[in-house]
């Protein structure tokens, strides 16, 4: 079992920045990947960014160059630095951890943090 706690969302004006974080209840170095997803008003869940076990980041095109995912293995926390935000980034952002348990991969989720970009 892994518990994830997402924090750091909020209301920001277009062009602004936010830095949500996600803290895990155990060492993140054992996870296959950790990442951020978002659910917009359409209710579709979209993958945004992921950081691999080796520390390599990957992004969808819509956030490439604006968002940066990083991790602190001492604090068991990942971050999503979000710059140049626009209204289309408005969503609930969820942290995900993919964990290998025995022979199966399992996903654990944070509770989500709301990001609203509006003037």
Protein backbone atom coordinates (compact mmCIF):
# COMPACT_ATOMS: atom_id res chain seq x y z
CA UNK A 1 0.00 0.00 0.00
CA UNK A 2 1.13 3.48 -0.90
CA UNK A 3 -0.51 6.71 0.15
CA UNK A 4 0.00 9.83 -1.96
CA UNK A 5 -0.84 13.35 -0.83
CA UNK A 6 -1.19 16.06 -3.47
CA UNK A 7 -0.93 19.70 -2.50
CA UNK A 8 -0.08 23.04 -4.06
CA UNK A 9 -2.87 23.81 -6.47
CA UNK A 10 -4.67 27.12 -6.52
CA UNK A 11 -5.97 30.06 -8.52
CA UNK A 12 -3.53 31.86 -10.79
CA UNK A 13 -3.77 34.40 -13.58
CA UNK A 14 -2.84 33.49 -17.17
CA UNK A 15 0.92 33.52 -17.55
CA UNK A 16 1.43 32.70 -13.89
CA UNK A 17 3.09 29.74 -12.18
CA UNK A 18 2.27 27.06 -9.64
CA UNK A 19 4.24 24.18 -8.16
CA UNK A 20 2.10 21.29 -6.92
CA UNK A 21 3.80 18.56 -4.95
CA UNK A 22 3.04 14.93 -4.17
CA UNK A 23 4.44 13.14 -1.14
CA UNK A 24 4.47 9.35 -0.88
CA UNK A 25 4.24 7.24 2.26
CA UNK A 26 7.27 5.17 1.30
CA UNK A 27 10.49 5.45 -0.66
CA UNK A 28 9.83 6.60 -4.21
CA UNK A 29 13.06 5.05 -5.46
CA UNK A 30 11.26 1.72 -5.52
CA UNK A 31 8.52 2.98 -7.85
CA UNK A 32 8.53 2.19 -11.56
CA UNK A 33 7.31 5.68 -12.44
CA UNK A 34 5.63 8.67 -10.83
CA UNK A 35 3.65 11.20 -12.72
CA UNK A 36 0.93 13.80 -12.98
CA UNK A 37 -2.43 13.44 -14.68
CA UNK A 38 -5.18 15.99 -15.01
CA UNK A 39 -8.93 15.87 -15.34
CA UNK A 40 -10.54 18.81 -17.10
CA UNK A 41 -14.20 19.84 -17.22
CA UNK A 42 -14.80 17.26 -19.95
CA UNK A 43 -14.02 14.65 -17.28
CA UNK A 44 -11.34 13.00 -19.40
CA UNK A 45 -8.18 12.01 -17.55
CA UNK A 46 -5.06 13.14 -19.40
CA UNK A 47 -1.48 12.19 -18.70
CA UNK A 48 0.78 15.25 -18.39
CA UNK A 49 4.22 14.33 -17.18
CA UNK A 50 6.09 11.34 -15.79
CA UNK A 51 9.46 10.70 -14.21
CA UNK A 52 10.94 7.26 -14.55
CA UNK A 53 12.74 5.13 -12.00
CA UNK A 54 15.99 6.41 -13.47
CA UNK A 55 14.92 10.03 -13.11
CA UNK A 56 14.14 10.70 -16.76
CA UNK A 57 11.22 13.08 -17.40
CA UNK A 58 8.67 12.82 -20.19
CA UNK A 59 5.89 15.24 -21.16
CA UNK A 60 2.91 15.50 -23.44
CA UNK A 61 3.25 18.08 -26.19
CA UNK A 62 0.72 20.43 -24.59
CA UNK A 63 2.97 21.07 -21.57
CA UNK A 64 6.44 20.50 -23.03
CA UNK A 65 8.63 23.51 -22.36
CA UNK A 66 6.24 24.95 -19.77
CA UNK A 67 6.03 22.21 -17.11
CA UNK A 68 8.92 20.52 -15.34
CA UNK A 69 8.59 17.37 -13.27
CA UNK A 70 11.21 16.70 -10.62
CA UNK A 71 11.70 14.57 -7.53
CA UNK A 72 13.33 14.65 -4.11
CA UNK A 73 14.13 11.10 -3.08
CA UNK A 74 14.96 12.15 0.48
CA UNK A 75 11.52 13.72 0.98
CA UNK A 76 9.77 11.05 -1.14
CA UNK A 77 8.17 13.87 -3.08
CA UNK A 78 7.69 14.83 -6.68
CA UNK A 79 6.94 18.31 -7.98
CA UNK A 80 5.38 19.79 -11.07
CA UNK A 81 6.69 23.26 -11.82
CA UNK A 82 4.02 24.82 -14.01
CA UNK A 83 4.95 28.01 -15.86
CA UNK A 84 3.19 30.13 -18.47
CA UNK A 85 -0.15 28.74 -17.37
CA UNK A 86 -3.18 29.31 -19.57
CA UNK A 87 -6.91 28.71 -19.03
CA UNK A 88 -6.66 25.38 -20.88
CA UNK A 89 -4.50 24.10 -18.02
CA UNK A 90 -7.42 24.43 -15.61
CA UNK A 91 -8.06 20.97 -14.17
CA UNK A 92 -7.77 18.76 -11.13
CA UNK A 93 -4.22 17.43 -11.07
CA UNK A 94 -3.60 13.94 -9.70
CA UNK A 95 -0.34 12.34 -8.71
CA UNK A 96 0.21 8.73 -9.76
CA UNK A 97 2.73 6.14 -8.63
CA UNK A 98 3.21 2.95 -10.60
CA UNK A 99 4.53 0.23 -8.32
CA UNK A 100 5.66 -3.31 -9.06
CA UNK A 101 4.05 -5.59 -6.49
CA UNK A 102 5.05 -9.23 -6.86
CA UNK A 103 4.59 -9.71 -10.60
CA UNK A 104 2.01 -7.01 -11.27
CA UNK A 105 2.16 -3.25 -11.78
CA UNK A 106 -0.29 -1.30 -9.68
CA UNK A 107 -1.22 2.39 -9.79
CA UNK A 108 -1.77 4.46 -6.68
CA UNK A 109 -3.36 7.91 -6.82
CA UNK A 110 -3.36 11.08 -4.81
CA UNK A 111 -6.59 12.80 -3.93
CA UNK A 112 -6.05 15.56 -6.49
CA UNK A 113 -5.41 19.27 -6.29
CA UNK A 114 -7.38 21.91 -8.19
CA UNK A 115 -5.55 24.26 -10.53
CA UNK A 116 -7.58 27.16 -11.91
CA UNK A 117 -6.13 29.60 -14.42
CA UNK A 118 -8.33 32.64 -14.79
CA UNK A 119 -8.14 36.41 -14.90
